[in-house]
Amino acid sequence: KARGRKASLDALMEHMRQTATDPKEQTIYISHGDCEDEVKEFAKRIK
């Protein structure tokens, strides 16, 4: 669990950082529950 939205998204990124295989060569998928603008910003952070 995380306190607040940003911390929860940070946690998702951290799990990706720890386990992703060669992320710079990957296509990643992100799905959302009607919060597309927020997810686009999230994708920019991951990039």
ModelCIF file with pLDDT and N, C-alpha, C, O atoms, coordinates in Angstrom:
data_MODEL
#
_entry.id   MODEL 
#
_entity.id                         1 
_entity.type                       polymer 
_entity.pdbx_number_of_molecules   1 
#
_entity_poly.entity_id                      1 
_entity_poly.type                           'polypeptide(L)' 
_entity_poly.nstd_linkage                   no 
_entity_poly.nstd_monomer                   no 
_entity_poly.pdbx_seq_one_letter_code       KARGRKASLDALMEHMRQTATDPKEQTIYISHGDCEDEVKEFAKRIK 
_entity_poly.pdbx_seq_one_letter_code_can   KARGRKASLDALMEHMRQTATDPKEQTIYISHGDCEDEVKEFAKRIK 
_entity_poly.pdbx_strand_id                 A 
#
loop_
_entity_poly_seq.entity_id 
_entity_poly_seq.num 
_entity_poly_seq.mon_id 
_entity_poly_seq.hetero 
1 1  LYS n 
1 2  ALA n 
1 3  ARG n 
1 4  GLY n 
1 5  ARG n 
1 6  LYS n 
1 7  ALA n 
1 8  SER n 
1 9  LEU n 
1 10 ASP n 
1 11 ALA n 
1 12 LEU n 
1 13 MET n 
1 14 GLU n 
1 15 HIS n 
1 16 MET n 
1 17 ARG n 
1 18 GLN n 
1 19 THR n 
1 20 ALA n 
1 21 THR n 
1 22 ASP n 
1 23 PRO n 
1 24 LYS n 
1 25 GLU n 
1 26 GLN n 
1 27 THR n 
1 28 ILE n 
1 29 TYR n 
1 30 ILE n 
1 31 SER n 
1 32 HIS n 
1 33 GLY n 
1 34 ASP n 
1 35 CYS n 
1 36 GLU n 
1 37 ASP n 
1 38 GLU n 
1 39 VAL n 
1 40 LYS n 
1 41 GLU n 
1 42 PHE n 
1 43 ALA n 
1 44 LYS n 
1 45 ARG n 
1 46 ILE n 
1 47 LYS n 
#
_struct_asym.id          A 
_struct_asym.entity_id   1 
#
loop_
_ma_qa_metric.id 
_ma_qa_metric.mode 
_ma_qa_metric.name 
_ma_qa_metric.software_group_id 
_ma_qa_metric.type 
1 global pLDDT . pLDDT 
2 local  pLDDT . pLDDT 
#
_ma_qa_metric_global.metric_id      1 
_ma_qa_metric_global.metric_value   95.49 
_ma_qa_metric_global.model_id       1 
_ma_qa_metric_global.ordinal_id     1 
#
loop_
_ma_qa_metric_local.label_asym_id 
_ma_qa_metric_local.label_comp_id 
_ma_qa_metric_local.label_seq_id 
_ma_qa_metric_local.metric_id 
_ma_qa_metric_local.metric_value 
_ma_qa_metric_local.model_id 
_ma_qa_metric_local.ordinal_id 
A LYS 1  2 85.00 1 1  
A ALA 2  2 88.00 1 2  
A ARG 3  2 85.00 1 3  
A GLY 4  2 88.00 1 4  
A ARG 5  2 92.00 1 5  
A LYS 6  2 94.00 1 6  
A ALA 7  2 94.00 1 7  
A SER 8  2 94.00 1 8  
A LEU 9  2 96.00 1 9  
A ASP 10 2 96.00 1 10 
A ALA 11 2 96.00 1 11 
A LEU 12 2 97.00 1 12 
A MET 13 2 96.00 1 13 
A GLU 14 2 96.00 1 14 
A HIS 15 2 96.00 1 15 
A MET 16 2 97.00 1 16 
A ARG 17 2 96.00 1 17 
A GLN 18 2 96.00 1 18 
A THR 19 2 96.00 1 19 
A ALA 20 2 97.00 1 20 
A THR 21 2 97.00 1 21 
A ASP 22 2 95.00 1 22 
A PRO 23 2 94.00 1 23 
A LYS 24 2 94.00 1 24 
A GLU 25 2 95.00 1 25 
A GLN 26 2 96.00 1 26 
A THR 27 2 97.00 1 27 
A ILE 28 2 98.00 1 28 
A TYR 29 2 98.00 1 29 
A ILE 30 2 98.00 1 30 
A SER 31 2 98.00 1 31 
A HIS 32 2 98.00 1 32 
A GLY 33 2 97.00 1 33 
A ASP 34 2 97.00 1 34 
A CYS 35 2 97.00 1 35 
A GLU 36 2 97.00 1 36 
A ASP 37 2 97.00 1 37 
A GLU 38 2 97.00 1 38 
A VAL 39 2 97.00 1 39 
A LYS 40 2 98.00 1 40 
A GLU 41 2 97.00 1 41 
A PHE 42 2 97.00 1 42 
A ALA 43 2 98.00 1 43 
A LYS 44 2 97.00 1 44 
A ARG 45 2 96.00 1 45 
A ILE 46 2 97.00 1 46 
A LYS 47 2 96.00 1 47 
#
loop_
_atom_site.group_PDB 
_atom_site.id 
_atom_site.type_symbol 
_atom_site.label_atom_id 
_atom_site.label_alt_id 
_atom_site.label_comp_id 
_atom_site.label_asym_id 
_atom_site.label_entity_id 
_atom_site.label_seq_id 
_atom_site.pdbx_PDB_ins_code 
_atom_site.Cartn_x 
_atom_site.Cartn_y 
_atom_site.Cartn_z 
_atom_site.occupancy 
_atom_site.B_iso_or_equiv 
_atom_site.pdbx_formal_charge 
_atom_site.auth_seq_id 
_atom_site.auth_comp_id 
_atom_site.auth_asym_id 
_atom_site.auth_atom_id 
_atom_site.pdbx_PDB_model_num 
ATOM 1   N N  . LYS A 1 1  ? 0.845   -1.187 0.000   1.00 85.00 ? 1  LYS A N  1 
ATOM 2   C CA . LYS A 1 1  ? 0.000   0.000  0.000   1.00 85.00 ? 1  LYS A CA 1 
ATOM 3   C C  . LYS A 1 1  ? 0.876   1.231  0.000   1.00 85.00 ? 1  LYS A C  1 
ATOM 4   O O  . LYS A 1 1  ? 2.023   1.205  0.445   1.00 85.00 ? 1  LYS A O  1 
ATOM 5   N N  . ALA A 1 2  ? 0.313   2.304  -0.507  1.00 88.00 ? 2  ALA A N  1 
ATOM 6   C CA . ALA A 1 2  ? 1.049   3.560  -0.592  1.00 88.00 ? 2  ALA A CA 1 
ATOM 7   C C  . ALA A 1 2  ? 0.133   4.689  -0.133  1.00 88.00 ? 2  ALA A C  1 
ATOM 8   O O  . ALA A 1 2  ? -1.086  4.609  -0.289  1.00 88.00 ? 2  ALA A O  1 
ATOM 9   N N  . ARG A 1 3  ? 0.715   5.728  0.427   1.00 85.00 ? 3  ARG A N  1 
ATOM 10  C CA . ARG A 1 3  ? -0.064  6.865  0.883   1.00 85.00 ? 3  ARG A CA 1 
ATOM 11  C C  . ARG A 1 3  ? -0.169  7.886  -0.247  1.00 85.00 ? 3  ARG A C  1 
ATOM 12  O O  . ARG A 1 3  ? 0.764   8.643  -0.514  1.00 85.00 ? 3  ARG A O  1 
ATOM 13  N N  . GLY A 1 4  ? -1.318  7.885  -0.895  1.00 88.00 ? 4  GLY A N  1 
ATOM 14  C CA . GLY A 1 4  ? -1.544  8.849  -1.964  1.00 88.00 ? 4  GLY A CA 1 
ATOM 15  C C  . GLY A 1 4  ? -1.296  8.272  -3.354  1.00 88.00 ? 4  GLY A C  1 
ATOM 16  O O  . GLY A 1 4  ? -0.628  7.252  -3.524  1.00 88.00 ? 4  GLY A O  1 
ATOM 17  N N  . ARG A 1 5  ? -1.863  8.968  -4.343  1.00 92.00 ? 5  ARG A N  1 
ATOM 18  C CA . ARG A 1 5  ? -1.821  8.504  -5.730  1.00 92.00 ? 5  ARG A CA 1 
ATOM 19  C C  . ARG A 1 5  ? -0.403  8.467  -6.282  1.00 92.00 ? 5  ARG A C  1 
ATOM 20  O O  . ARG A 1 5  ? 0.005   7.461  -6.863  1.00 92.00 ? 5  ARG A O  1 
ATOM 21  N N  . LYS A 1 6  ? 0.349   9.541  -6.112  1.00 94.00 ? 6  LYS A N  1 
ATOM 22  C CA . LYS A 1 6  ? 1.703   9.586  -6.684  1.00 94.00 ? 6  LYS A CA 1 
ATOM 23  C C  . LYS A 1 6  ? 2.559   8.458  -6.127  1.00 94.00 ? 6  LYS A C  1 
ATOM 24  O O  . LYS A 1 6  ? 3.303   7.817  -6.870  1.00 94.00 ? 6  LYS A O  1 
ATOM 25  N N  . ALA A 1 7  ? 2.459   8.214  -4.842  1.00 94.00 ? 7  ALA A N  1 
ATOM 26  C CA . ALA A 1 7  ? 3.263   7.146  -4.230  1.00 94.00 ? 7  ALA A CA 1 
ATOM 27  C C  . ALA A 1 7  ? 2.880   5.782  -4.788  1.00 94.00 ? 7  ALA A C  1 
ATOM 28  O O  . ALA A 1 7  ? 3.738   4.916  -4.959  1.00 94.00 ? 7  ALA A O  1 
ATOM 29  N N  . SER A 1 8  ? 1.601   5.588  -5.070  1.00 94.00 ? 8  SER A N  1 
ATOM 30  C CA . SER A 1 8  ? 1.175   4.293  -5.615  1.00 94.00 ? 8  SER A CA 1 
ATOM 31  C C  . SER A 1 8  ? 1.710   4.101  -7.031  1.00 94.00 ? 8  SER A C  1 
ATOM 32  O O  . SER A 1 8  ? 2.127   3.000  -7.389  1.00 94.00 ? 8  SER A O  1 
ATOM 33  N N  . LEU A 1 9  ? 1.703   5.165  -7.842  1.00 96.00 ? 9  LEU A N  1 
ATOM 34  C CA . LEU A 1 9  ? 2.269   5.059  -9.197  1.00 96.00 ? 9  LEU A CA 1 
ATOM 35  C C  . LEU A 1 9  ? 3.788   4.879  -9.135  1.00 96.00 ? 9  LEU A C  1 
ATOM 36  O O  . LEU A 1 9  ? 4.367   4.155  -9.946  1.00 96.00 ? 9  LEU A O  1 
ATOM 37  N N  . ASP A 1 10 ? 4.427   5.544  -8.167  1.00 96.00 ? 10 ASP A N  1 
ATOM 38  C CA . ASP A 1 10 ? 5.871   5.344  -7.970  1.00 96.00 ? 10 ASP A CA 1 
ATOM 39  C C  . ASP A 1 10 ? 6.170   3.878  -7.675  1.00 96.00 ? 10 ASP A C  1 
ATOM 40  O O  . ASP A 1 10 ? 7.176   3.336  -8.133  1.00 96.00 ? 10 ASP A O  1 
ATOM 41  N N  . ALA A 1 11 ? 5.292   3.246  -6.910  1.00 96.00 ? 11 ALA A N  1 
ATOM 42  C CA . ALA A 1 11 ? 5.492   1.829  -6.560  1.00 96.00 ? 11 ALA A CA 1 
ATOM 43  C C  . ALA A 1 11 ? 5.416   0.944  -7.797  1.00 96.00 ? 11 ALA A C  1 
ATOM 44  O O  . ALA A 1 11 ? 6.193   -0.002 -7.926  1.00 96.00 ? 11 ALA A O  1 
ATOM 45  N N  . LEU A 1 12 ? 4.489   1.238  -8.707  1.00 97.00 ? 12 LEU A N  1 
ATOM 46  C CA . LEU A 1 12 ? 4.414   0.471  -9.941  1.00 97.00 ? 12 LEU A CA 1 
ATOM 47  C C  . LEU A 1 12 ? 5.709   0.601  -10.734 1.00 97.00 ? 12 LEU A C  1 
ATOM 48  O O  . LEU A 1 12 ? 6.242   -0.384 -11.245 1.00 97.00 ? 12 LEU A O  1 
ATOM 49  N N  . MET A 1 13 ? 6.205   1.828  -10.826 1.00 96.00 ? 13 MET A N  1 
ATOM 50  C CA . MET A 1 13 ? 7.460   2.068  -11.546 1.00 96.00 ? 13 MET A CA 1 
ATOM 51  C C  . MET A 1 13 ? 8.623   1.324  -10.905 1.00 96.00 ? 13 MET A C  1 
ATOM 52  O O  . MET A 1 13 ? 9.480   0.779  -11.600 1.00 96.00 ? 13 MET A O  1 
ATOM 53  N N  . GLU A 1 14 ? 8.646   1.303  -9.579  1.00 96.00 ? 14 GLU A N  1 
ATOM 54  C CA . GLU A 1 14 ? 9.751   0.643  -8.878  1.00 96.00 ? 14 GLU A CA 1 
ATOM 55  C C  . GLU A 1 14 ? 9.756   -0.855 -9.148  1.00 96.00 ? 14 GLU A C  1 
ATOM 56  O O  . GLU A 1 14 ? 10.819  -1.456 -9.306  1.00 96.00 ? 14 GLU A O  1 
ATOM 57  N N  . HIS A 1 15 ? 8.581   -1.457 -9.202  1.00 96.00 ? 15 HIS A N  1 
ATOM 58  C CA . HIS A 1 15 ? 8.520   -2.884 -9.531  1.00 96.00 ? 15 HIS A CA 1 
ATOM 59  C C  . HIS A 1 15 ? 9.018   -3.125 -10.958 1.00 96.00 ? 15 HIS A C  1 
ATOM 60  O O  . HIS A 1 15 ? 9.686   -4.124 -11.228 1.00 96.00 ? 15 HIS A O  1 
ATOM 61  N N  . MET A 1 16 ? 8.693   -2.215 -11.857 1.00 97.00 ? 16 MET A N  1 
ATOM 62  C CA . MET A 1 16 ? 9.203   -2.341 -13.223 1.00 97.00 ? 16 MET A CA 1 
ATOM 63  C C  . MET A 1 16 ? 10.725  -2.198 -13.234 1.00 97.00 ? 16 MET A C  1 
ATOM 64  O O  . MET A 1 16 ? 11.422  -2.951 -13.914 1.00 97.00 ? 16 MET A O  1 
ATOM 65  N N  . ARG A 1 17 ? 11.225  -1.243 -12.491 1.00 96.00 ? 17 ARG A N  1 
ATOM 66  C CA . ARG A 1 17 ? 12.670  -1.024 -12.437 1.00 96.00 ? 17 ARG A CA 1 
ATOM 67  C C  . ARG A 1 17 ? 13.402  -2.260 -11.925 1.00 96.00 ? 17 ARG A C  1 
ATOM 68  O O  . ARG A 1 17 ? 14.496  -2.580 -12.390 1.00 96.00 ? 17 ARG A O  1 
ATOM 69  N N  . GLN A 1 18 ? 12.797  -2.947 -10.972 1.00 96.00 ? 18 GLN A N  1 
ATOM 70  C CA . GLN A 1 18 ? 13.444  -4.097 -10.337 1.00 96.00 ? 18 GLN A CA 1 
ATOM 71  C C  . GLN A 1 18 ? 13.421  -5.358 -11.199 1.00 96.00 ? 18 GLN A C  1 
ATOM 72  O O  . GLN A 1 18 ? 14.353  -6.161 -11.146 1.00 96.00 ? 18 GLN A O  1 
ATOM 73  N N  . THR A 1 19 ? 12.358  -5.537 -11.994 1.00 96.00 ? 19 THR A N  1 
ATOM 74  C CA . THR A 1 19 ? 12.191  -6.842 -12.650 1.00 96.00 ? 19 THR A CA 1 
ATOM 75  C C  . THR A 1 19 ? 12.145  -6.802 -14.179 1.00 96.00 ? 19 THR A C  1 
ATOM 76  O O  . THR A 1 19 ? 12.253  -7.853 -14.811 1.00 96.00 ? 19 THR A O  1 
ATOM 77  N N  . ALA A 1 20 ? 11.991  -5.632 -14.792 1.00 97.00 ? 20 ALA A N  1 
ATOM 78  C CA . ALA A 1 20 ? 11.871  -5.577 -16.255 1.00 97.00 ? 20 ALA A CA 1 
ATOM 79  C C  . ALA A 1 20 ? 13.154  -6.034 -16.929 1.00 97.00 ? 20 ALA A C  1 
ATOM 80  O O  . ALA A 1 20 ? 14.254  -5.698 -16.490 1.00 97.00 ? 20 ALA A O  1 
ATOM 81  N N  . THR A 1 21 ? 13.003  -6.796 -17.989 1.00 97.00 ? 21 THR A N  1 
ATOM 82  C CA . THR A 1 21 ? 14.134  -7.273 -18.775 1.00 97.00 ? 21 THR A CA 1 
ATOM 83  C C  . THR A 1 21 ? 14.394  -6.303 -19.922 1.00 97.00 ? 21 THR A C  1 
ATOM 84  O O  . THR A 1 21 ? 13.587  -6.187 -20.844 1.00 97.00 ? 21 THR A O  1 
ATOM 85  N N  . ASP A 1 22 ? 15.535  -5.604 -19.856 1.00 95.00 ? 22 ASP A N  1 
ATOM 86  C CA . ASP A 1 22 ? 15.926  -4.673 -20.925 1.00 95.00 ? 22 ASP A CA 1 
ATOM 87  C C  . ASP A 1 22 ? 14.765  -3.750 -21.325 1.00 95.00 ? 22 ASP A C  1 
ATOM 88  O O  . ASP A 1 22 ? 14.319  -3.784 -22.472 1.00 95.00 ? 22 ASP A O  1 
ATOM 89  N N  . PRO A 1 23 ? 14.277  -2.935 -20.395 1.00 94.00 ? 23 PRO A N  1 
ATOM 90  C CA . PRO A 1 23 ? 13.073  -2.140 -20.666 1.00 94.00 ? 23 PRO A CA 1 
ATOM 91  C C  . PRO A 1 23 ? 13.186  -1.202 -21.867 1.00 94.00 ? 23 PRO A C  1 
ATOM 92  O O  . PRO A 1 23 ? 12.184  -0.919 -22.524 1.00 94.00 ? 23 PRO A O  1 
ATOM 93  N N  . LYS A 1 24 ? 14.380  -0.723 -22.157 1.00 94.00 ? 24 LYS A N  1 
ATOM 94  C CA . LYS A 1 24 ? 14.540  0.216  -23.272 1.00 94.00 ? 24 LYS A CA 1 
ATOM 95  C C  . LYS A 1 24 ? 14.240  -0.420 -24.628 1.00 94.00 ? 24 LYS A C  1 
ATOM 96  O O  . LYS A 1 24 ? 14.038  0.291  -25.612 1.00 94.00 ? 24 LYS A O  1 
ATOM 97  N N  . GLU A 1 25 ? 14.209  -1.752 -24.689 1.00 95.00 ? 25 GLU A N  1 
ATOM 98  C CA . GLU A 1 25 ? 13.895  -2.453 -25.929 1.00 95.00 ? 25 GLU A CA 1 
ATOM 99  C C  . GLU A 1 25 ? 12.489  -3.033 -25.928 1.00 95.00 ? 25 GLU A C  1 
ATOM 100 O O  . GLU A 1 25 ? 12.128  -3.794 -26.826 1.00 95.00 ? 25 GLU A O  1 
ATOM 101 N N  . GLN A 1 26 ? 11.696  -2.678 -24.928 1.00 96.00 ? 26 GLN A N  1 
ATOM 102 C CA . GLN A 1 26 ? 10.375  -3.281 -24.764 1.00 96.00 ? 26 GLN A CA 1 
ATOM 103 C C  . GLN A 1 26 ? 9.246   -2.376 -25.256 1.00 96.00 ? 26 GLN A C  1 
ATOM 104 O O  . GLN A 1 26 ? 9.360   -1.150 -25.266 1.00 96.00 ? 26 GLN A O  1 
ATOM 105 N N  . THR A 1 27 ? 8.167   -3.015 -25.659 1.00 97.00 ? 27 THR A N  1 
ATOM 106 C CA . THR A 1 27 ? 6.873   -2.349 -25.753 1.00 97.00 ? 27 THR A CA 1 
ATOM 107 C C  . THR A 1 27 ? 6.143   -2.628 -24.455 1.00 97.00 ? 27 THR A C  1 
ATOM 108 O O  . THR A 1 27 ? 5.937   -3.786 -24.092 1.00 97.00 ? 27 THR A O  1 
ATOM 109 N N  . ILE A 1 28 ? 5.750   -1.570 -23.749 1.00 98.00 ? 28 ILE A N  1 
ATOM 110 C CA . ILE A 1 28 ? 4.996   -1.754 -22.519 1.00 98.00 ? 28 ILE A CA 1 
ATOM 111 C C  . ILE A 1 28 ? 3.538   -1.361 -22.767 1.00 98.00 ? 28 ILE A C  1 
ATOM 112 O O  . ILE A 1 28 ? 3.248   -0.510 -23.607 1.00 98.00 ? 28 ILE A O  1 
ATOM 113 N N  . TYR A 1 29 ? 2.642   -1.984 -22.033 1.00 98.00 ? 29 TYR A N  1 
ATOM 114 C CA . TYR A 1 29 ? 1.218   -1.677 -22.128 1.00 98.00 ? 29 TYR A CA 1 
ATOM 115 C C  . TYR A 1 29 ? 0.765   -1.033 -20.818 1.00 98.00 ? 29 TYR A C  1 
ATOM 116 O O  . TYR A 1 29 ? 1.182   -1.451 -19.738 1.00 98.00 ? 29 TYR A O  1 
ATOM 117 N N  . ILE A 1 30 ? -0.076  -0.029 -20.921 1.00 98.00 ? 30 ILE A N  1 
ATOM 118 C CA . ILE A 1 30 ? -0.671  0.607  -19.739 1.00 98.00 ? 30 ILE A CA 1 
ATOM 119 C C  . ILE A 1 30 ? -2.172  0.710  -19.970 1.00 98.00 ? 30 ILE A C  1 
ATOM 120 O O  . ILE A 1 30 ? -2.613  1.237  -20.991 1.00 98.00 ? 30 ILE A O  1 
ATOM 121 N N  . SER A 1 31 ? -2.948  0.211  -19.029 1.00 98.00 ? 31 SER A N  1 
ATOM 122 C CA . SER A 1 31 ? -4.399  0.356  -19.135 1.00 98.00 ? 31 SER A CA 1 
ATOM 123 C C  . SER A 1 31 ? -4.902  1.206  -17.972 1.00 98.00 ? 31 SER A C  1 
ATOM 124 O O  . SER A 1 31 ? -4.247  1.319  -16.936 1.00 98.00 ? 31 SER A O  1 
ATOM 125 N N  . HIS A 1 32 ? -6.074  1.799  -18.165 1.00 98.00 ? 32 HIS A N  1 
ATOM 126 C CA . HIS A 1 32 ? -6.558  2.772  -17.175 1.00 98.00 ? 32 HIS A CA 1 
ATOM 127 C C  . HIS A 1 32 ? -8.076  2.789  -17.125 1.00 98.00 ? 32 HIS A C  1 
ATOM 128 O O  . HIS A 1 32 ? -8.755  2.385  -18.069 1.00 98.00 ? 32 HIS A O  1 
ATOM 129 N N  . GLY A 1 33 ? -8.591  3.269  -15.994 1.00 97.00 ? 33 GLY A N  1 
ATOM 130 C CA . GLY A 1 33 ? -10.025 3.402  -15.806 1.00 97.00 ? 33 GLY A CA 1 
ATOM 131 C C  . GLY A 1 33 ? -10.477 4.834  -16.005 1.00 97.00 ? 33 GLY A C  1 
ATOM 132 O O  . GLY A 1 33 ? -10.842 5.521  -15.051 1.00 97.00 ? 33 GLY A O  1 
ATOM 133 N N  . ASP A 1 34 ? -10.450 5.283  -17.263 1.00 97.00 ? 34 ASP A N  1 
ATOM 134 C CA . ASP A 1 34 ? -10.910 6.618  -17.639 1.00 97.00 ? 34 ASP A CA 1 
ATOM 135 C C  . ASP A 1 34 ? -10.105 7.727  -16.968 1.00 97.00 ? 34 ASP A C  1 
ATOM 136 O O  . ASP A 1 34 ? -10.663 8.670  -16.408 1.00 97.00 ? 34 ASP A O  1 
ATOM 137 N N  . CYS A 1 35 ? -8.780  7.593  -17.039 1.00 97.00 ? 35 CYS A N  1 
ATOM 138 C CA . CYS A 1 35 ? -7.878  8.649  -16.541 1.00 97.00 ? 35 CYS A CA 1 
ATOM 139 C C  . CYS A 1 35 ? -6.705  8.767  -17.517 1.00 97.00 ? 35 CYS A C  1 
ATOM 140 O O  . CYS A 1 35 ? -5.541  8.700  -17.122 1.00 97.00 ? 35 CYS A O  1 
ATOM 141 N N  . GLU A 1 36 ? -7.033  8.942  -18.786 1.00 97.00 ? 36 GLU A N  1 
ATOM 142 C CA . GLU A 1 36 ? -6.040  8.879  -19.858 1.00 97.00 ? 36 GLU A CA 1 
ATOM 143 C C  . GLU A 1 36 ? -4.969  9.950  -19.749 1.00 97.00 ? 36 GLU A C  1 
ATOM 144 O O  . GLU A 1 36 ? -3.791  9.667  -19.965 1.00 97.00 ? 36 GLU A O  1 
ATOM 145 N N  . ASP A 1 37 ? -5.359  11.179 -19.418 1.00 97.00 ? 37 ASP A N  1 
ATOM 146 C CA . ASP A 1 37 ? -4.368  12.258 -19.330 1.00 97.00 ? 37 ASP A CA 1 
ATOM 147 C C  . ASP A 1 37 ? -3.333  11.956 -18.251 1.00 97.00 ? 37 ASP A C  1 
ATOM 148 O O  . ASP A 1 37 ? -2.137  12.173 -18.446 1.00 97.00 ? 37 ASP A O  1 
ATOM 149 N N  . GLU A 1 38 ? -3.802  11.455 -17.118 1.00 97.00 ? 38 GLU A N  1 
ATOM 150 C CA . GLU A 1 38 ? -2.888  11.096 -16.038 1.00 97.00 ? 38 GLU A CA 1 
ATOM 151 C C  . GLU A 1 38 ? -1.945  9.983  -16.478 1.00 97.00 ? 38 GLU A C  1 
ATOM 152 O O  . GLU A 1 38 ? -0.755  10.015 -16.164 1.00 97.00 ? 38 GLU A O  1 
ATOM 153 N N  . VAL A 1 39 ? -2.468  9.006  -17.199 1.00 97.00 ? 39 VAL A N  1 
ATOM 154 C CA . VAL A 1 39 ? -1.652  7.879  -17.647 1.00 97.00 ? 39 VAL A CA 1 
ATOM 155 C C  . VAL A 1 39 ? -0.621  8.320  -18.678 1.00 97.00 ? 39 VAL A C  1 
ATOM 156 O O  . VAL A 1 39 ? 0.495   7.801  -18.693 1.00 97.00 ? 39 VAL A O  1 
ATOM 157 N N  . LYS A 1 40 ? -0.972  9.260  -19.530 1.00 98.00 ? 40 LYS A N  1 
ATOM 158 C CA . LYS A 1 40 ? 0.010   9.777  -20.485 1.00 98.00 ? 40 LYS A CA 1 
ATOM 159 C C  . LYS A 1 40 ? 1.174   10.452 -19.771 1.00 98.00 ? 40 LYS A C  1 
ATOM 160 O O  . LYS A 1 40 ? 2.323   10.323 -20.194 1.00 98.00 ? 40 LYS A O  1 
ATOM 161 N N  . GLU A 1 41 ? 0.884   11.162 -18.702 1.00 97.00 ? 41 GLU A N  1 
ATOM 162 C CA . GLU A 1 41 ? 1.956   11.772 -17.906 1.00 97.00 ? 41 GLU A CA 1 
ATOM 163 C C  . GLU A 1 41 ? 2.777   10.700 -17.195 1.00 97.00 ? 41 GLU A C  1 
ATOM 164 O O  . GLU A 1 41 ? 3.995   10.821 -17.068 1.00 97.00 ? 41 GLU A O  1 
ATOM 165 N N  . PHE A 1 42 ? 2.103   9.658  -16.737 1.00 97.00 ? 42 PHE A N  1 
ATOM 166 C CA . PHE A 1 42 ? 2.783   8.530  -16.099 1.00 97.00 ? 42 PHE A CA 1 
ATOM 167 C C  . PHE A 1 42 ? 3.746   7.864  -17.084 1.00 97.00 ? 42 PHE A C  1 
ATOM 168 O O  . PHE A 1 42 ? 4.870   7.515  -16.722 1.00 97.00 ? 42 PHE A O  1 
ATOM 169 N N  . ALA A 1 43 ? 3.301   7.692  -18.324 1.00 98.00 ? 43 ALA A N  1 
ATOM 170 C CA . ALA A 1 43 ? 4.153   7.102  -19.356 1.00 98.00 ? 43 ALA A CA 1 
ATOM 171 C C  . ALA A 1 43 ? 5.378   7.960  -19.620 1.00 98.00 ? 43 ALA A C  1 
ATOM 172 O O  . ALA A 1 43 ? 6.469   7.435  -19.842 1.00 98.00 ? 43 ALA A O  1 
ATOM 173 N N  . LYS A 1 44 ? 5.209   9.272  -19.598 1.00 97.00 ? 44 LYS A N  1 
ATOM 174 C CA . LYS A 1 44 ? 6.350   10.175 -19.795 1.00 97.00 ? 44 LYS A CA 1 
ATOM 175 C C  . LYS A 1 44 ? 7.375   9.996  -18.682 1.00 97.00 ? 44 LYS A C  1 
ATOM 176 O O  . LYS A 1 44 ? 8.581   10.015 -18.927 1.00 97.00 ? 44 LYS A O  1 
ATOM 177 N N  . ARG A 1 45 ? 6.883   9.821  -17.449 1.00 96.00 ? 45 ARG A N  1 
ATOM 178 C CA . ARG A 1 45 ? 7.789   9.617  -16.317 1.00 96.00 ? 45 ARG A CA 1 
ATOM 179 C C  . ARG A 1 45 ? 8.566   8.314  -16.481 1.00 96.00 ? 45 ARG A C  1 
ATOM 180 O O  . ARG A 1 45 ? 9.773   8.272  -16.240 1.00 96.00 ? 45 ARG A O  1 
ATOM 181 N N  . ILE A 1 46 ? 7.881   7.266  -16.885 1.00 97.00 ? 46 ILE A N  1 
ATOM 182 C CA . ILE A 1 46 ? 8.566   5.982  -17.087 1.00 97.00 ? 46 ILE A CA 1 
ATOM 183 C C  . ILE A 1 46 ? 9.609   6.107  -18.183 1.00 97.00 ? 46 ILE A C  1 
ATOM 184 O O  . ILE A 1 46 ? 10.727  5.609  -18.048 1.00 97.00 ? 46 ILE A O  1 
ATOM 185 N N  . LYS A 1 47 ? 9.239   6.777  -19.271 1.00 96.00 ? 47 LYS A N  1 
ATOM 186 C CA . LYS A 1 47 ? 10.164  6.965  -20.386 1.00 96.00 ? 47 LYS A CA 1 
ATOM 187 C C  . LYS A 1 47 ? 11.425  7.696  -19.923 1.00 96.00 ? 47 LYS A C  1 
ATOM 188 O O  . LYS A 1 47 ? 12.324  7.946  -20.726 1.00 96.00 ? 47 LYS A O  1 
#
